[in-house]
């Protein structure tokens, strides 16, 4: 259950960040509401997930998956260009997160 909450936190954070990018040229209140609600939901879900998951593991997964997800979605939604180095960096982040999560230290003793 904690991993599903963490996945929801990641999704909420990605949506909030993409909405924030959408306000880059014009401050629109609808997107700003989405930003605030998205980050709020993300932090609440993360806090509940931390009742079971270790903070280091949860934060590594949240940050890594959020970075990769936001980068990939921004490329699709906003036409932001990704070169081979950026894709390789994202692959390293995802690989690192998988290694950390698989280390067996994912929940409280």
C-alpha atoms as a PDB file:
ATOM      1  CA  UNK A   1       0.000   0.000   0.000  1.00  0.00           C
ATOM      2  CA  UNK A   2       2.842   2.399   0.848  1.00  0.00           C
ATOM      3  CA  UNK A   3       4.322   1.921  -2.630  1.00  0.00           C
ATOM      4  CA  UNK A   4       0.967   2.833  -4.219  1.00  0.00           C
ATOM      5  CA  UNK A   5       0.809   5.958  -2.075  1.00  0.00           C
ATOM      6  CA  UNK A   6       4.330   6.828  -3.174  1.00  0.00           C
ATOM      7  CA  UNK A   7       3.344   6.298  -6.820  1.00  0.00           C
ATOM      8  CA  UNK A   8       0.436   8.686  -6.290  1.00  0.00           C
ATOM      9  CA  UNK A   9       2.817  11.206  -4.717  1.00  0.00           C
ATOM     10  CA  UNK A  10       5.091  10.965  -7.746  1.00  0.00           C
ATOM     11  CA  UNK A  11       2.219  11.378 -10.200  1.00  0.00           C
ATOM     12  CA  UNK A  12       0.868  14.389  -8.283  1.00  0.00           C
ATOM     13  CA  UNK A  13       4.307  15.993  -8.218  1.00  0.00           C
ATOM     14  CA  UNK A  14       4.817  15.462 -11.956  1.00  0.00           C
ATOM     15  CA  UNK A  15       1.404  16.984 -12.734  1.00  0.00           C
ATOM     16  CA  UNK A  16       2.147  19.955 -10.472  1.00  0.00           C
ATOM     17  CA  UNK A  17       5.550  20.541 -12.054  1.00  0.00           C
ATOM     18  CA  UNK A  18       4.205  20.302 -15.597  1.00  0.00           C
ATOM     19  CA  UNK A  19       1.439  22.730 -14.640  1.00  0.00           C
ATOM     20  CA  UNK A  20       4.076  25.088 -13.249  1.00  0.00           C
ATOM     21  CA  UNK A  21       5.887  24.910 -16.602  1.00  0.00           C
ATOM     22  CA  UNK A  22       2.599  25.838 -18.240  1.00  0.00           C
ATOM     23  CA  UNK A  23       2.619  29.164 -16.382  1.00  0.00           C
ATOM     24  CA  UNK A  24       6.073  30.151 -17.692  1.00  0.00           C
ATOM     25  CA  UNK A  25       4.790  32.751 -20.165  1.00  0.00           C
ATOM     26  CA  UNK A  26       1.487  33.690 -18.601  1.00  0.00           C
ATOM     27  CA  UNK A  27       0.340  33.344 -15.004  1.00  0.00           C
ATOM     28  CA  UNK A  28      -3.013  31.570 -15.193  1.00  0.00           C
ATOM     29  CA  UNK A  29      -4.875  31.006 -11.957  1.00  0.00           C
ATOM     30  CA  UNK A  30      -6.274  27.617 -13.051  1.00  0.00           C
ATOM     31  CA  UNK A  31      -2.787  26.218 -13.523  1.00  0.00           C
ATOM     32  CA  UNK A  32      -1.557  27.783 -10.291  1.00  0.00           C
ATOM     33  CA  UNK A  33      -4.392  26.068  -8.404  1.00  0.00           C
ATOM     34  CA  UNK A  34      -3.323  22.790 -10.025  1.00  0.00           C
ATOM     35  CA  UNK A  35       0.278  23.449  -8.946  1.00  0.00           C
ATOM     36  CA  UNK A  36      -0.652  24.111  -5.317  1.00  0.00           C
ATOM     37  CA  UNK A  37      -3.086  21.191  -5.065  1.00  0.00           C
ATOM     38  CA  UNK A  38      -0.671  18.851  -6.878  1.00  0.00           C
ATOM     39  CA  UNK A  39       2.214  19.577  -4.534  1.00  0.00           C
ATOM     40  CA  UNK A  40      -0.051  19.436  -1.484  1.00  0.00           C
ATOM     41  CA  UNK A  41      -1.417  16.031  -2.507  1.00  0.00           C
ATOM     42  CA  UNK A  42       2.102  14.831  -3.275  1.00  0.00           C
ATOM     43  CA  UNK A  43       3.453  15.772   0.153  1.00  0.00           C
ATOM     44  CA  UNK A  44       0.457  14.329   1.988  1.00  0.00           C
ATOM     45  CA  UNK A  45       0.728  11.015   0.127  1.00  0.00           C
ATOM     46  CA  UNK A  46       4.478  10.959   0.730  1.00  0.00           C
ATOM     47  CA  UNK A  47       3.960  11.591   4.448  1.00  0.00           C
ATOM     48  CA  UNK A  48       1.505   8.708   4.720  1.00  0.00           C
ATOM     49  CA  UNK A  49       3.844   6.414   2.745  1.00  0.00           C
ATOM     50  CA  UNK A  50       6.633   7.294   5.183  1.00  0.00           C
ATOM     51  CA  UNK A  51       4.702   5.580   7.949  1.00  0.00           C
ATOM     52  CA  UNK A  52       6.005   2.345   6.410  1.00  0.00           C
ATOM     53  CA  UNK A  53       8.850   3.216   4.043  1.00  0.00           C
ATOM     54  CA  UNK A  54      12.283   4.476   5.015  1.00  0.00           C
ATOM     55  CA  UNK A  55      12.661   8.145   4.179  1.00  0.00           C
ATOM     56  CA  UNK A  56      15.879   7.663   2.200  1.00  0.00           C
ATOM     57  CA  UNK A  57      14.374   4.995  -0.023  1.00  0.00           C
ATOM     58  CA  UNK A  58      11.068   6.826  -0.488  1.00  0.00           C
ATOM     59  CA  UNK A  59      12.765  10.112  -1.295  1.00  0.00           C
ATOM     60  CA  UNK A  60      15.156   8.480  -3.781  1.00  0.00           C
ATOM     61  CA  UNK A  61      12.244   6.837  -5.595  1.00  0.00           C
ATOM     62  CA  UNK A  62      10.124  10.021  -5.457  1.00  0.00           C
ATOM     63  CA  UNK A  63      12.895  12.284  -6.715  1.00  0.00           C
ATOM     64  CA  UNK A  64      14.254   9.898  -9.339  1.00  0.00           C
ATOM     65  CA  UNK A  65      10.928   8.824 -10.790  1.00  0.00           C
ATOM     66  CA  UNK A  66       9.628  12.389 -10.614  1.00  0.00           C
ATOM     67  CA  UNK A  67      12.656  13.706 -12.497  1.00  0.00           C
ATOM     68  CA  UNK A  68      12.462  11.038 -15.181  1.00  0.00           C
ATOM     69  CA  UNK A  69       8.684  11.321 -15.514  1.00  0.00           C
ATOM     70  CA  UNK A  70       8.718  15.105 -15.701  1.00  0.00           C
ATOM     71  CA  UNK A  71      11.528  15.120 -18.257  1.00  0.00           C
ATOM     72  CA  UNK A  72       9.819  12.559 -20.477  1.00  0.00           C
ATOM     73  CA  UNK A  73       6.411  14.230 -20.220  1.00  0.00           C
ATOM     74  CA  UNK A  74       7.889  17.685 -20.927  1.00  0.00           C
ATOM     75  CA  UNK A  75       9.473  16.307 -24.084  1.00  0.00           C
ATOM     76  CA  UNK A  76       6.082  15.052 -25.266  1.00  0.00           C
ATOM     77  CA  UNK A  77       3.885  17.922 -24.046  1.00  0.00           C
ATOM     78  CA  UNK A  78       6.154  20.921 -24.569  1.00  0.00           C
ATOM     79  CA  UNK A  79       8.496  19.664 -27.275  1.00  0.00           C
ATOM     80  CA  UNK A  80      11.525  19.961 -25.007  1.00  0.00           C
ATOM     81  CA  UNK A  81      14.451  18.258 -26.678  1.00  0.00           C
ATOM     82  CA  UNK A  82      16.283  15.330 -25.143  1.00  0.00           C
ATOM     83  CA  UNK A  83      19.737  14.349 -26.335  1.00  0.00           C
ATOM     84  CA  UNK A  84      21.461  11.034 -25.798  1.00  0.00           C
ATOM     85  CA  UNK A  85      23.310  12.332 -22.738  1.00  0.00           C
ATOM     86  CA  UNK A  86      20.044  13.390 -21.052  1.00  0.00           C
ATOM     87  CA  UNK A  87      18.419  10.041 -21.819  1.00  0.00           C
ATOM     88  CA  UNK A  88      21.492   8.246 -20.469  1.00  0.00           C
ATOM     89  CA  UNK A  89      21.351  10.347 -17.306  1.00  0.00           C
ATOM     90  CA  UNK A  90      17.693   9.486 -16.791  1.00  0.00           C
ATOM     91  CA  UNK A  91      18.505   5.809 -17.293  1.00  0.00           C
ATOM     92  CA  UNK A  92      21.192   6.078 -14.615  1.00  0.00           C
ATOM     93  CA  UNK A  93      18.737   7.753 -12.224  1.00  0.00           C
ATOM     94  CA  UNK A  94      16.118   5.054 -12.781  1.00  0.00           C
ATOM     95  CA  UNK A  95      18.732   2.316 -12.431  1.00  0.00           C
ATOM     96  CA  UNK A  96      19.995   3.847  -9.200  1.00  0.00           C
ATOM     97  CA  UNK A  97      16.480   4.061  -7.794  1.00  0.00           C
ATOM     98  CA  UNK A  98      15.831   0.422  -8.679  1.00  0.00           C
ATOM     99  CA  UNK A  99      19.071  -0.643  -6.981  1.00  0.00           C
ATOM    100  CA  UNK A 100      18.240   1.369  -3.855  1.00  0.00           C
ATOM    101  CA  UNK A 101      14.671   0.048  -3.709  1.00  0.00           C
ATOM    102  CA  UNK A 102      15.858  -3.533  -4.218  1.00  0.00           C
ATOM    103  CA  UNK A 103      18.455  -3.232  -1.475  1.00  0.00           C
ATOM    104  CA  UNK A 104      16.008  -4.658   1.056  1.00  0.00           C
ATOM    105  CA  UNK A 105      16.013  -1.527   3.190  1.00  0.00           C
ATOM    106  CA  UNK A 106      12.619  -0.306   2.019  1.00  0.00           C
ATOM    107  CA  UNK A 107      10.610  -0.535   5.229  1.00  0.00           C
ATOM    108  CA  UNK A 108      11.020   0.128   8.928  1.00  0.00           C
ATOM    109  CA  UNK A 109      12.438  -2.688  11.041  1.00  0.00           C
END
